[in-house]
Every structure is written in structure tokens, then in C-alpha cells.
Amino acid sequence: MTRYLDTIPKPWTRTDIETAIFRSFTDAKAAIEETEEGKLWRSIQELEDSVWILNVNISDLIDEISLFAERSQSPSFWYEAEGCAAEQHTREVKRRLFNCTTSVMSLVDHARNFERKTPVPDYQNQLTTHFSTPGIHAFLQDLRNYNSHWRIAQTNWTISLGPAFEGRRARFVVQKKELLAWSNWTLEAKKYIEASVDPIDLHELFFTYREHVHSFYSWHRGAVYAKYSAEIQQYLQYKRNYEGISKMHDWNTTISHLPKDLNPFQYINQYLSKSSIERVLSLPHRSKEQVDAIISLMDMDEFCSAALRKKTYALFGVADEA
């Protein structure tokens, strides 16, 4: 069956979308999501997800290293009779290192696919500029292949006592000799290993890489928003109209069937943030001003018809509707 929105030319108006919702709200939503603009927005969100997943995995790894540093100060941490917690933490660091290298490669693949379909100016130059540590990008990409096809990198802990201002330092490291036993490093990745201090400190490695990722993808987000602003605006306007019209009809149906003695303020925290609730409660109780603020804070000004607004006034017991 042909969807209504597919039969009319774009750009679609609010009336077009409202008519489509009346015919089939699921078809209307699907038609909006399947526009080229909708696909673009979804691909932007998927790339953002990949960046988020990498950031979370790096944080998990860094947190585990920090946890080892803290707990290893206790003598019982090293008791063999208790299973030697050091071994458990070492295995956990290896697991999180594997997750990090896998998510690095996933982000690289997603970013390449995105750039192929949705290019932005100066991409390669900016990539080189923001990933400013020579070879780090290539090394982490290859480290994923090392972990997947050779063996899990053997992380080892070291504890050192520096000057008083540095104090005790616990690290997890990978030996260069172990890495170089694998023969499939790219030239750039191998140069990074050879130029690095031996052993390679995982905390420093991923802390630095995370800064590069944040810097580059912040630039990239802005570049995408600038170049594809018209497409993004068009899709988000369709989406806003769909959601606003749907919410308007849901409100109308709900309010029409609520008990007359219902106290709507008992549910307000389900719809408004703490700061918004404070704004509402700062206004005269059960006044038009207060109800108008609620409608506005729920981003429904544009979609609240005169009839629906009148019903909302009545729900909140506004004394004077004149």
C-alpha cells in the first residue's frame, strides 16, 4: 500500500504531515525517517554512537588501571591464599584493552564510510592535524589486528616510587619486544612502536588518543552541521511536526478522559525537568501564566490549539478563562 507522504512532492508542510498521521501514523513516521534527510541524520547519530562507545571503553580501561593503583596499596591484595587480586585485575585490563582496540577500528570504519557518502571540506588535513601524535592512529588500528589475529597483548603491571611530589605510581604496560614479535605492523605503526619509550604505558597511550578523538570529532561535527544544514533542518522540521502533532492528539484524548478531581501537579515531574518545575512553581498557582509556562516548557506552544489550551486550563483549575 502506498504511503500518503510518498504521493506528494516535498517539502512537506505541517498540514501534509497531519493528514498523513490521520491516515496512518506508522506510515507517516516511516516515510519521514526514510527520506534522504532522515537517513543523513541517522548516519550522523550512528557515528556519534561509535565515538561514544570508544570513549566509554577508554574510560573503563583507565578506571581499571586507577582501581588497581588504589587497591594494590593493601597488603592483602597480594595474598595468594585470597586468589591474588593482581592477576584478576591484569586479566580485566587485557579485556578492556581488547574492547578499546576493537572500538577504535569500528570508529575508523564508520568514519570512512561516513566520509565516503557525506564528505566535508578539508577532511584529510584536519585528520592529520588533530591526530597530531605521529603514528598513534596507525598503531592502535594495527593493535586491534594484533589482538584479534595474533594474541591478546600481554599487559604487565609496574609499580614505582618517584620523588615525594610524584609518590607511588602503578602502571600497566606492553613491552616493545613482545609487540615487534608480530610481523604484520604497517610501516607507520612500526615507527610509532620503535620511537616510543619502552615499555608503552597504556594509560598515557589511550589518554592521549582520547584527546585526539575528542578534538577531531568536535571539528567534524561542526563541519557536517555547516555543510548539510539545509538537509538537517528539513528532516528535523518534519520530525518536529510529526512529534508535535502526535503529542497534541494524545494530549487531547488523555485530558478528555481524566477524572475531574485529578490533581495534575502530582504528575508534573514526569514531563518537566527540575529547573522547569521550579520555573512553573515560581508563578501564581493555577493561573493562566503558570499553565502557559507548562505548555511552553513542554515545547507545545506551536501545536497547542485554542481548544486544547482551554481544556488544559480547565484541567489545572484556572479560575478565570476569560
C-alpha atoms as a PDB file:
ATOM      1  CA  MET A   1       0.000   0.000   0.000  1.00  0.00           C
ATOM      2  CA  THR A   2       1.368   3.424  -0.995  1.00  0.00           C
ATOM      3  CA  ARG A   3       2.083   5.790   1.870  1.00  0.00           C
ATOM      4  CA  TYR A   4       0.377   9.160   1.690  1.00  0.00           C
ATOM      5  CA  LEU A   5       3.552  11.249   2.019  1.00  0.00           C
ATOM      6  CA  ASP A   6       5.170   9.315  -0.840  1.00  0.00           C
ATOM      7  CA  THR A   7       2.445  10.572  -3.187  1.00  0.00           C
ATOM      8  CA  ILE A   8       3.037  14.301  -2.673  1.00  0.00           C
ATOM      9  CA  PRO A   9       6.067  16.448  -3.525  1.00  0.00           C
ATOM     10  CA  LYS A  10       8.495  17.728  -0.915  1.00  0.00           C
ATOM     11  CA  PRO A  11       8.987  19.796   1.099  1.00  0.00           C
ATOM     12  CA  TRP A  12       6.063  18.536   3.157  1.00  0.00           C
ATOM     13  CA  THR A  13       4.025  21.055   5.105  1.00  0.00           C
ATOM     14  CA  ARG A  14       2.648  20.643   8.588  1.00  0.00           C
ATOM     15  CA  THR A  15      -0.788  20.036   7.032  1.00  0.00           C
ATOM     16  CA  ASP A  16       0.666  17.290   4.815  1.00  0.00           C
ATOM     17  CA  ILE A  17       2.145  15.551   7.844  1.00  0.00           C
ATOM     18  CA  GLU A  18      -1.043  15.930   9.889  1.00  0.00           C
ATOM     19  CA  THR A  19      -3.061  14.360   7.073  1.00  0.00           C
ATOM     20  CA  ALA A  20      -0.566  11.521   6.853  1.00  0.00           C
ATOM     21  CA  ILE A  21      -0.825  10.915  10.615  1.00  0.00           C
ATOM     22  CA  PHE A  22      -4.624  10.681  10.398  1.00  0.00           C
ATOM     23  CA  ARG A  23      -4.304   8.081   7.648  1.00  0.00           C
ATOM     24  CA  SER A  24      -1.556   6.047   9.356  1.00  0.00           C
ATOM     25  CA  PHE A  25       0.782   7.404  11.996  1.00  0.00           C
ATOM     26  CA  THR A  26       3.216   4.496  11.479  1.00  0.00           C
ATOM     27  CA  ASP A  27       3.376   5.087   7.716  1.00  0.00           C
ATOM     28  CA  ALA A  28       3.880   8.809   8.307  1.00  0.00           C
ATOM     29  CA  LYS A  29       6.798   8.201  10.649  1.00  0.00           C
ATOM     30  CA  ALA A  30       8.381   5.636   8.323  1.00  0.00           C
ATOM     31  CA  ALA A  31       8.094   7.976   5.327  1.00  0.00           C
ATOM     32  CA  ILE A  32       9.836  10.781   7.241  1.00  0.00           C
ATOM     33  CA  GLU A  33      12.621   8.512   8.506  1.00  0.00           C
ATOM     34  CA  GLU A  34      13.250   7.103   5.040  1.00  0.00           C
ATOM     35  CA  THR A  35      13.813  10.462   3.371  1.00  0.00           C
ATOM     36  CA  GLU A  36      17.391  11.170   2.290  1.00  0.00           C
ATOM     37  CA  GLU A  37      17.477  13.827   5.011  1.00  0.00           C
ATOM     38  CA  GLY A  38      16.340  11.283   7.599  1.00  0.00           C
ATOM     39  CA  LYS A  39      18.988   8.797   6.506  1.00  0.00           C
ATOM     40  CA  LEU A  40      21.637  11.505   6.775  1.00  0.00           C
ATOM     41  CA  TRP A  41      20.599  12.375  10.326  1.00  0.00           C
ATOM     42  CA  ARG A  42      20.575   8.701  11.328  1.00  0.00           C
ATOM     43  CA  SER A  43      24.089   8.217   9.944  1.00  0.00           C
ATOM     44  CA  ILE A  44      25.273  11.246  11.941  1.00  0.00           C
ATOM     45  CA  GLN A  45      23.817   9.721  15.104  1.00  0.00           C
ATOM     46  CA  GLU A  46      25.395   6.336  14.346  1.00  0.00           C
ATOM     47  CA  LEU A  47      28.813   7.965  14.006  1.00  0.00           C
ATOM     48  CA  GLU A  48      28.231   9.785  17.303  1.00  0.00           C
ATOM     49  CA  ASP A  49      27.395   6.403  18.864  1.00  0.00           C
ATOM     50  CA  SER A  50      30.715   4.968  17.672  1.00  0.00           C
ATOM     51  CA  VAL A  51      32.598   7.907  19.206  1.00  0.00           C
ATOM     52  CA  TRP A  52      30.662   7.455  22.464  1.00  0.00           C
ATOM     53  CA  ILE A  53      31.381   3.703  22.600  1.00  0.00           C
ATOM     54  CA  LEU A  54      35.111   4.302  22.152  1.00  0.00           C
ATOM     55  CA  ASN A  55      35.120   6.990  24.852  1.00  0.00           C
ATOM     56  CA  VAL A  56      33.317   4.682  27.284  1.00  0.00           C
ATOM     57  CA  ASN A  57      35.720   1.811  26.607  1.00  0.00           C
ATOM     58  CA  ILE A  58      38.752   4.052  27.114  1.00  0.00           C
ATOM     59  CA  SER A  59      37.262   5.358  30.370  1.00  0.00           C
ATOM     60  CA  ASP A  60      36.662   1.767  31.505  1.00  0.00           C
ATOM     61  CA  LEU A  61      40.290   0.873  30.819  1.00  0.00           C
ATOM     62  CA  ILE A  62      41.667   3.953  32.567  1.00  0.00           C
ATOM     63  CA  ASP A  63      39.328   3.384  35.530  1.00  0.00           C
ATOM     64  CA  GLU A  64      40.503  -0.222  35.885  1.00  0.00           C
ATOM     65  CA  ILE A  65      44.139   0.885  35.916  1.00  0.00           C
ATOM     66  CA  SER A  66      43.319   3.514  38.552  1.00  0.00           C
ATOM     67  CA  LEU A  67      41.448   0.912  40.609  1.00  0.00           C
ATOM     68  CA  PHE A  68      44.487  -1.371  40.503  1.00  0.00           C
ATOM     69  CA  ALA A  69      46.690   1.507  41.664  1.00  0.00           C
ATOM     70  CA  GLU A  70      44.428   2.181  44.637  1.00  0.00           C
ATOM     71  CA  ARG A  71      43.725  -1.399  45.741  1.00  0.00           C
ATOM     72  CA  SER A  72      47.284  -2.628  45.261  1.00  0.00           C
ATOM     73  CA  GLN A  73      48.362  -0.493  48.220  1.00  0.00           C
ATOM     74  CA  SER A  74      46.736  -3.008  50.569  1.00  0.00           C
ATOM     75  CA  PRO A  75      48.983  -5.962  51.588  1.00  0.00           C
ATOM     76  CA  SER A  76      46.047  -8.391  51.325  1.00  0.00           C
ATOM     77  CA  PHE A  77      45.799  -7.536  47.611  1.00  0.00           C
ATOM     78  CA  TRP A  78      48.857  -9.720  47.011  1.00  0.00           C
ATOM     79  CA  TYR A  79      47.954 -12.740  49.161  1.00  0.00           C
ATOM     80  CA  GLU A  80      47.982 -15.922  47.109  1.00  0.00           C
ATOM     81  CA  ALA A  81      45.542 -17.530  49.551  1.00  0.00           C
ATOM     82  CA  GLU A  82      42.924 -14.971  48.519  1.00  0.00           C
ATOM     83  CA  GLY A  83      43.432 -15.608  44.816  1.00  0.00           C
ATOM     84  CA  CYS A  84      45.881 -12.752  44.245  1.00  0.00           C
ATOM     85  CA  ALA A  85      43.733  -9.870  43.074  1.00  0.00           C
ATOM     86  CA  ALA A  86      46.613  -8.606  40.909  1.00  0.00           C
ATOM     87  CA  GLU A  87      46.026 -11.456  38.460  1.00  0.00           C
ATOM     88  CA  GLN A  88      42.311 -10.685  38.267  1.00  0.00           C
ATOM     89  CA  HIS A  89      42.985  -7.013  37.550  1.00  0.00           C
ATOM     90  CA  THR A  90      45.595  -7.904  34.938  1.00  0.00           C
ATOM     91  CA  ARG A  91      43.095 -10.068  33.091  1.00  0.00           C
ATOM     92  CA  GLU A  92      40.472  -7.327  33.363  1.00  0.00           C
ATOM     93  CA  VAL A  93      42.885  -4.773  31.877  1.00  0.00           C
ATOM     94  CA  LYS A  94      43.553  -7.132  28.963  1.00  0.00           C
ATOM     95  CA  ARG A  95      39.820  -7.487  28.345  1.00  0.00           C
ATOM     96  CA  ARG A  96      39.283  -3.733  28.373  1.00  0.00           C
ATOM     97  CA  LEU A  97      42.307  -3.189  26.144  1.00  0.00           C
ATOM     98  CA  PHE A  98      40.744  -5.585  23.630  1.00  0.00           C
ATOM     99  CA  ASN A  99      37.457  -3.630  23.796  1.00  0.00           C
ATOM    100  CA  CYS A 100      39.316  -0.365  23.216  1.00  0.00           C
ATOM    101  CA  THR A 101      41.214  -1.560  20.150  1.00  0.00           C
ATOM    102  CA  THR A 102      38.060  -3.119  18.691  1.00  0.00           C
ATOM    103  CA  SER A 103      36.057   0.083  19.135  1.00  0.00           C
ATOM    104  CA  VAL A 104      38.937   2.114  17.641  1.00  0.00           C
ATOM    105  CA  MET A 105      38.714   0.046  14.469  1.00  0.00           C
ATOM    106  CA  SER A 106      34.909   0.220  14.406  1.00  0.00           C
ATOM    107  CA  LEU A 107      35.033   4.006  14.651  1.00  0.00           C
ATOM    108  CA  VAL A 108      37.633   4.173  11.876  1.00  0.00           C
ATOM    109  CA  ASP A 109      35.423   2.042   9.602  1.00  0.00           C
ATOM    110  CA  HIS A 110      32.294   4.059  10.403  1.00  0.00           C
ATOM    111  CA  ALA A 111      34.101   7.358   9.856  1.00  0.00           C
ATOM    112  CA  ARG A 112      35.480   6.232   6.490  1.00  0.00           C
ATOM    113  CA  ASN A 113      32.066   5.076   5.305  1.00  0.00           C
ATOM    114  CA  PHE A 114      30.501   8.317   6.502  1.00  0.00           C
ATOM    115  CA  GLU A 115      33.110  10.449   4.726  1.00  0.00           C
ATOM    116  CA  ARG A 116      32.664   8.455   1.525  1.00  0.00           C
ATOM    117  CA  LYS A 117      28.919   9.142   1.457  1.00  0.00           C
ATOM    118  CA  THR A 118      28.866  12.513   3.231  1.00  0.00           C
ATOM    119  CA  PRO A 119      32.150  14.323   2.564  1.00  0.00           C
ATOM    120  CA  VAL A 120      33.146  17.598   4.208  1.00  0.00           C
ATOM    121  CA  PRO A 121      35.877  20.033   3.084  1.00  0.00           C
ATOM    122  CA  ASP A 122      39.444  19.651   4.400  1.00  0.00           C
ATOM    123  CA  TYR A 123      38.767  16.255   5.996  1.00  0.00           C
ATOM    124  CA  GLN A 124      42.196  14.671   5.451  1.00  0.00           C
ATOM    125  CA  ASN A 125      44.132  17.762   6.514  1.00  0.00           C
ATOM    126  CA  GLN A 126      42.081  18.061   9.696  1.00  0.00           C
ATOM    127  CA  LEU A 127      42.523  14.352  10.431  1.00  0.00           C
ATOM    128  CA  THR A 128      46.300  14.783  10.273  1.00  0.00           C
ATOM    129  CA  THR A 129      46.194  17.983  12.325  1.00  0.00           C
ATOM    130  CA  HIS A 130      44.047  16.657  15.172  1.00  0.00           C
ATOM    131  CA  PHE A 131      45.729  13.232  15.415  1.00  0.00           C
ATOM    132  CA  SER A 132      48.997  15.055  15.960  1.00  0.00           C
ATOM    133  CA  THR A 133      50.970  12.281  17.717  1.00  0.00           C
ATOM    134  CA  PRO A 134      52.901  10.654  14.827  1.00  0.00           C
ATOM    135  CA  GLY A 135      51.784   7.090  14.178  1.00  0.00           C
ATOM    136  CA  ILE A 136      49.384   6.701  17.132  1.00  0.00           C
ATOM    137  CA  HIS A 137      46.356   6.287  14.876  1.00  0.00           C
ATOM    138  CA  ALA A 138      48.052   3.602  12.750  1.00  0.00           C
ATOM    139  CA  PHE A 139      49.413   1.827  15.829  1.00  0.00           C
ATOM    140  CA  LEU A 140      46.015   1.460  17.506  1.00  0.00           C
ATOM    141  CA  GLN A 141      44.406   0.265  14.283  1.00  0.00           C
ATOM    142  CA  ASP A 142      47.078  -2.412  13.931  1.00  0.00           C
ATOM    143  CA  LEU A 143      46.900  -3.267  17.635  1.00  0.00           C
ATOM    144  CA  ARG A 144      43.327  -4.369  17.049  1.00  0.00           C
ATOM    145  CA  ASN A 145      44.555  -6.828  14.364  1.00  0.00           C
ATOM    146  CA  TYR A 146      47.376  -7.910  16.682  1.00  0.00           C
ATOM    147  CA  ASN A 147      44.825  -8.698  19.426  1.00  0.00           C
ATOM    148  CA  SER A 148      42.369 -10.373  17.054  1.00  0.00           C
ATOM    149  CA  HIS A 149      44.691 -12.408  14.837  1.00  0.00           C
ATOM    150  CA  TRP A 150      47.919 -12.902  16.787  1.00  0.00           C
ATOM    151  CA  ARG A 151      47.332 -12.896  20.543  1.00  0.00           C
ATOM    152  CA  ILE A 152      45.946 -10.697  23.287  1.00  0.00           C
ATOM    153  CA  ALA A 153      48.615  -8.170  24.191  1.00  0.00           C
ATOM    154  CA  GLN A 154      50.343  -9.205  27.403  1.00  0.00           C
ATOM    155  CA  THR A 155      49.836  -6.300  29.760  1.00  0.00           C
ATOM    156  CA  ASN A 156      52.129  -6.178  32.776  1.00  0.00           C
ATOM    157  CA  TRP A 157      51.875  -4.001  35.835  1.00  0.00           C
ATOM    158  CA  THR A 158      54.751  -1.989  37.233  1.00  0.00           C
ATOM    159  CA  ILE A 159      54.866  -0.018  40.454  1.00  0.00           C
ATOM    160  CA  SER A 160      57.419   2.704  41.033  1.00  0.00           C
ATOM    161  CA  LEU A 161      58.156   5.187  43.797  1.00  0.00           C
ATOM    162  CA  GLY A 162      59.207   8.568  42.484  1.00  0.00           C
ATOM    163  CA  PRO A 163      60.127  11.826  44.229  1.00  0.00           C
ATOM    164  CA  ALA A 164      57.857  12.993  47.033  1.00  0.00           C
ATOM    165  CA  PHE A 165      55.780  15.192  44.731  1.00  0.00           C
ATOM    166  CA  GLU A 166      55.111  12.215  42.412  1.00  0.00           C
ATOM    167  CA  GLY A 167      54.660   9.489  45.005  1.00  0.00           C
ATOM    168  CA  ARG A 168      53.723   5.922  44.209  1.00  0.00           C
ATOM    169  CA  ARG A 169      52.796   5.135  40.604  1.00  0.00           C
ATOM    170  CA  ALA A 170      51.136   1.957  39.331  1.00  0.00           C
ATOM    171  CA  ARG A 171      51.055   1.396  35.571  1.00  0.00           C
ATOM    172  CA  PHE A 172      50.047  -1.211  33.043  1.00  0.00           C
ATOM    173  CA  VAL A 173      52.477  -1.514  30.157  1.00  0.00           C
ATOM    174  CA  VAL A 174      53.183  -3.518  26.996  1.00  0.00           C
ATOM    175  CA  GLN A 175      56.744  -4.432  26.108  1.00  0.00           C
ATOM    176  CA  LYS A 176      58.006  -3.311  22.688  1.00  0.00           C
ATOM    177  CA  LYS A 177      59.793  -6.643  22.200  1.00  0.00           C
ATOM    178  CA  GLU A 178      56.516  -8.518  22.502  1.00  0.00           C
ATOM    179  CA  LEU A 179      54.751  -6.238  20.044  1.00  0.00           C
ATOM    180  CA  LEU A 180      57.545  -6.410  17.473  1.00  0.00           C
ATOM    181  CA  ALA A 181      57.427 -10.222  17.520  1.00  0.00           C
ATOM    182  CA  TRP A 182      54.413  -9.782  15.214  1.00  0.00           C
ATOM    183  CA  SER A 183      55.464  -9.173  11.610  1.00  0.00           C
ATOM    184  CA  ASN A 184      52.322  -7.521  10.222  1.00  0.00           C
ATOM    185  CA  TRP A 185      52.655  -3.989  11.564  1.00  0.00           C
ATOM    186  CA  THR A 186      52.309  -1.268   8.947  1.00  0.00           C
ATOM    187  CA  LEU A 187      55.352   0.919   8.444  1.00  0.00           C
ATOM    188  CA  GLU A 188      53.766   3.870  10.274  1.00  0.00           C
ATOM    189  CA  ALA A 189      52.675   1.716  13.231  1.00  0.00           C
ATOM    190  CA  LYS A 190      56.102   0.088  13.486  1.00  0.00           C
ATOM    191  CA  LYS A 191      57.759   3.511  13.515  1.00  0.00           C
ATOM    192  CA  TYR A 192      55.470   4.506  16.394  1.00  0.00           C
ATOM    193  CA  ILE A 193      56.490   1.437  18.412  1.00  0.00           C
ATOM    194  CA  GLU A 194      60.179   1.948  17.760  1.00  0.00           C
ATOM    195  CA  ALA A 195      60.014   5.641  18.683  1.00  0.00           C
ATOM    196  CA  SER A 196      58.050   5.009  21.905  1.00  0.00           C
ATOM    197  CA  VAL A 197      59.515   4.711  25.377  1.00  0.00           C
ATOM    198  CA  ASP A 198      59.835   1.045  26.354  1.00  0.00           C
ATOM    199  CA  PRO A 199      57.541  -0.232  27.773  1.00  0.00           C
ATOM    200  CA  ILE A 200      54.465   1.513  26.286  1.00  0.00           C
ATOM    201  CA  ASP A 201      52.225   2.908  29.020  1.00  0.00           C
ATOM    202  CA  LEU A 202      48.563   2.056  28.310  1.00  0.00           C
ATOM    203  CA  HIS A 203      47.147   4.869  30.450  1.00  0.00           C
ATOM    204  CA  GLU A 204      49.192   7.511  28.631  1.00  0.00           C
ATOM    205  CA  LEU A 205      48.535   5.936  25.228  1.00  0.00           C
ATOM    206  CA  PHE A 206      44.750   5.949  25.498  1.00  0.00           C
ATOM    207  CA  PHE A 207      44.518   9.212  27.423  1.00  0.00           C
ATOM    208  CA  THR A 208      46.363  10.911  24.544  1.00  0.00           C
ATOM    209  CA  TYR A 209      44.320   9.142  21.874  1.00  0.00           C
ATOM    210  CA  ARG A 210      41.037  10.100  23.538  1.00  0.00           C
ATOM    211  CA  GLU A 211      42.085  13.766  23.413  1.00  0.00           C
ATOM    212  CA  HIS A 212      42.768  13.426  19.683  1.00  0.00           C
ATOM    213  CA  VAL A 213      39.390  11.753  19.125  1.00  0.00           C
ATOM    214  CA  HIS A 214      37.545  14.476  21.023  1.00  0.00           C
ATOM    215  CA  SER A 215      39.364  17.233  19.135  1.00  0.00           C
ATOM    216  CA  PHE A 216      38.828  15.777  15.658  1.00  0.00           C
ATOM    217  CA  TYR A 217      35.207  14.703  16.015  1.00  0.00           C
ATOM    218  CA  SER A 218      34.258  18.037  17.569  1.00  0.00           C
ATOM    219  CA  TRP A 219      35.637  19.687  14.429  1.00  0.00           C
ATOM    220  CA  HIS A 220      33.955  17.090  12.196  1.00  0.00           C
ATOM    221  CA  ARG A 221      30.554  17.548  13.842  1.00  0.00           C
ATOM    222  CA  GLY A 222      30.686  21.273  13.216  1.00  0.00           C
ATOM    223  CA  ALA A 223      31.787  20.756   9.597  1.00  0.00           C
ATOM    224  CA  VAL A 224      28.902  18.350   8.932  1.00  0.00           C
ATOM    225  CA  TYR A 225      26.340  20.662  10.531  1.00  0.00           C
ATOM    226  CA  ALA A 226      27.643  23.568   8.437  1.00  0.00           C
ATOM    227  CA  LYS A 227      27.706  21.802   5.053  1.00  0.00           C
ATOM    228  CA  TYR A 228      24.462  19.848   5.445  1.00  0.00           C
ATOM    229  CA  SER A 229      22.472  22.396   7.448  1.00  0.00           C
ATOM    230  CA  ALA A 230      19.627  22.584   4.901  1.00  0.00           C
ATOM    231  CA  GLU A 231      19.129  18.804   4.842  1.00  0.00           C
ATOM    232  CA  ILE A 232      19.339  18.525   8.625  1.00  0.00           C
ATOM    233  CA  GLN A 233      16.905  21.422   9.103  1.00  0.00           C
ATOM    234  CA  GLN A 234      14.408  19.855   6.685  1.00  0.00           C
ATOM    235  CA  TYR A 235      14.399  16.473   8.411  1.00  0.00           C
ATOM    236  CA  LEU A 236      14.243  17.898  11.928  1.00  0.00           C
ATOM    237  CA  GLN A 237      11.311  20.122  10.906  1.00  0.00           C
ATOM    238  CA  TYR A 238       9.451  17.081   9.600  1.00  0.00           C
ATOM    239  CA  LYS A 239      10.285  15.222  12.813  1.00  0.00           C
ATOM    240  CA  ARG A 240       9.223  18.164  14.974  1.00  0.00           C
ATOM    241  CA  ASN A 241       5.897  18.460  13.167  1.00  0.00           C
ATOM    242  CA  TYR A 242       5.256  14.726  13.425  1.00  0.00           C
ATOM    243  CA  GLU A 243       6.041  14.572  17.140  1.00  0.00           C
ATOM    244  CA  GLY A 244       4.207  17.819  17.961  1.00  0.00           C
ATOM    245  CA  ILE A 245       1.032  16.862  16.098  1.00  0.00           C
ATOM    246  CA  SER A 246       1.082  13.348  17.598  1.00  0.00           C
ATOM    247  CA  LYS A 247       1.542  14.753  21.096  1.00  0.00           C
ATOM    248  CA  MET A 248      -1.276  17.260  20.539  1.00  0.00           C
ATOM    249  CA  HIS A 249      -3.727  14.498  19.668  1.00  0.00           C
ATOM    250  CA  ASP A 250      -2.502  12.308  22.549  1.00  0.00           C
ATOM    251  CA  TRP A 251      -2.949  15.202  24.979  1.00  0.00           C
ATOM    252  CA  ASN A 252      -6.422  15.914  23.688  1.00  0.00           C
ATOM    253  CA  THR A 253      -7.512  12.290  24.109  1.00  0.00           C
ATOM    254  CA  THR A 254      -5.920  11.940  27.560  1.00  0.00           C
ATOM    255  CA  ILE A 255      -7.258  15.201  29.001  1.00  0.00           C
ATOM    256  CA  SER A 256     -10.762  14.419  27.725  1.00  0.00           C
ATOM    257  CA  HIS A 257     -10.855  11.207  29.783  1.00  0.00           C
ATOM    258  CA  LEU A 258      -9.199  12.316  33.024  1.00  0.00           C
ATOM    259  CA  PRO A 259     -11.221  12.421  36.265  1.00  0.00           C
ATOM    260  CA  LYS A 260     -12.446  15.909  37.111  1.00  0.00           C
ATOM    261  CA  ASP A 261     -10.882  15.800  40.589  1.00  0.00           C
ATOM    262  CA  LEU A 262      -7.403  14.799  39.366  1.00  0.00           C
ATOM    263  CA  ASN A 263      -4.513  16.888  40.686  1.00  0.00           C
ATOM    264  CA  PRO A 264      -2.239  17.314  37.629  1.00  0.00           C
ATOM    265  CA  PHE A 265       0.657  18.595  39.732  1.00  0.00           C
ATOM    266  CA  GLN A 266       1.280  15.089  41.080  1.00  0.00           C
ATOM    267  CA  TYR A 267       2.440  14.028  37.608  1.00  0.00           C
ATOM    268  CA  ILE A 268       4.370  17.119  36.584  1.00  0.00           C
ATOM    269  CA  ASN A 269       7.781  15.619  37.347  1.00  0.00           C
ATOM    270  CA  GLN A 270       7.152  13.006  34.633  1.00  0.00           C
ATOM    271  CA  TYR A 271       7.148  15.706  31.982  1.00  0.00           C
ATOM    272  CA  LEU A 272       9.381  18.528  33.200  1.00  0.00           C
ATOM    273  CA  SER A 273      12.952  18.795  34.455  1.00  0.00           C
ATOM    274  CA  LYS A 274      13.729  20.013  37.971  1.00  0.00           C
ATOM    275  CA  SER A 275      14.651  23.503  36.743  1.00  0.00           C
ATOM    276  CA  SER A 276      11.455  23.680  34.663  1.00  0.00           C
ATOM    277  CA  ILE A 277       9.339  22.653  37.649  1.00  0.00           C
ATOM    278  CA  GLU A 278      10.970  25.393  39.713  1.00  0.00           C
ATOM    279  CA  ARG A 279      10.107  27.866  36.958  1.00  0.00           C
ATOM    280  CA  VAL A 280       6.469  26.708  36.955  1.00  0.00           C
ATOM    281  CA  LEU A 281       6.121  26.819  40.753  1.00  0.00           C
ATOM    282  CA  SER A 282       7.531  30.342  40.838  1.00  0.00           C
ATOM    283  CA  LEU A 283       4.394  31.543  39.014  1.00  0.00           C
ATOM    284  CA  PRO A 284       0.938  32.158  40.549  1.00  0.00           C
ATOM    285  CA  HIS A 285      -0.660  28.800  41.364  1.00  0.00           C
ATOM    286  CA  ARG A 286      -3.299  27.593  38.887  1.00  0.00           C
ATOM    287  CA  SER A 287      -3.006  30.757  36.831  1.00  0.00           C
ATOM    288  CA  LYS A 288      -3.075  31.126  33.063  1.00  0.00           C
ATOM    289  CA  GLU A 289       0.520  32.272  33.257  1.00  0.00           C
ATOM    290  CA  GLN A 290       1.521  29.073  35.019  1.00  0.00           C
ATOM    291  CA  VAL A 291      -0.314  26.790  32.580  1.00  0.00           C
ATOM    292  CA  ASP A 292       1.072  28.705  29.583  1.00  0.00           C
ATOM    293  CA  ALA A 293       4.556  28.196  31.033  1.00  0.00           C
ATOM    294  CA  ILE A 294       3.958  24.436  31.316  1.00  0.00           C
ATOM    295  CA  ILE A 295       2.800  24.289  27.692  1.00  0.00           C
ATOM    296  CA  SER A 296       5.830  26.294  26.582  1.00  0.00           C
ATOM    297  CA  LEU A 297       8.330  24.280  28.641  1.00  0.00           C
ATOM    298  CA  MET A 298       6.960  21.096  27.085  1.00  0.00           C
ATOM    299  CA  ASP A 299       7.665  22.670  23.684  1.00  0.00           C
ATOM    300  CA  MET A 300       3.967  22.573  22.737  1.00  0.00           C
ATOM    301  CA  ASP A 301       3.251  26.265  22.101  1.00  0.00           C
ATOM    302  CA  GLU A 302       3.272  25.731  18.364  1.00  0.00           C
ATOM    303  CA  PHE A 303       0.944  22.735  18.487  1.00  0.00           C
ATOM    304  CA  CYS A 304      -1.499  23.585  21.275  1.00  0.00           C
ATOM    305  CA  SER A 305      -4.736  24.684  19.605  1.00  0.00           C
ATOM    306  CA  ALA A 306      -7.102  27.134  21.286  1.00  0.00           C
ATOM    307  CA  ALA A 307      -9.489  24.280  22.144  1.00  0.00           C
ATOM    308  CA  LEU A 308      -6.736  22.147  23.662  1.00  0.00           C
ATOM    309  CA  ARG A 309      -5.368  25.101  25.627  1.00  0.00           C
ATOM    310  CA  LYS A 310      -8.845  25.715  27.052  1.00  0.00           C
ATOM    311  CA  LYS A 311      -9.062  22.046  28.137  1.00  0.00           C
ATOM    312  CA  THR A 312      -5.645  22.346  29.766  1.00  0.00           C
ATOM    313  CA  TYR A 313      -6.719  25.468  31.671  1.00  0.00           C
ATOM    314  CA  ALA A 314      -9.738  23.533  32.953  1.00  0.00           C
ATOM    315  CA  LEU A 315      -7.549  20.560  33.952  1.00  0.00           C
ATOM    316  CA  PHE A 316      -5.376  22.833  36.093  1.00  0.00           C
ATOM    317  CA  GLY A 317      -8.403  24.608  37.521  1.00  0.00           C
ATOM    318  CA  VAL A 318      -7.593  28.057  36.172  1.00  0.00           C
ATOM    319  CA  ALA A 319     -10.102  30.334  37.828  1.00  0.00           C
ATOM    320  CA  ASP A 320     -10.534  32.850  35.023  1.00  0.00           C
ATOM    321  CA  GLU A 321     -10.552  31.556  31.483  1.00  0.00           C
ATOM    322  CA  ALA A 322     -11.873  34.780  30.041  1.00  0.00           C
END
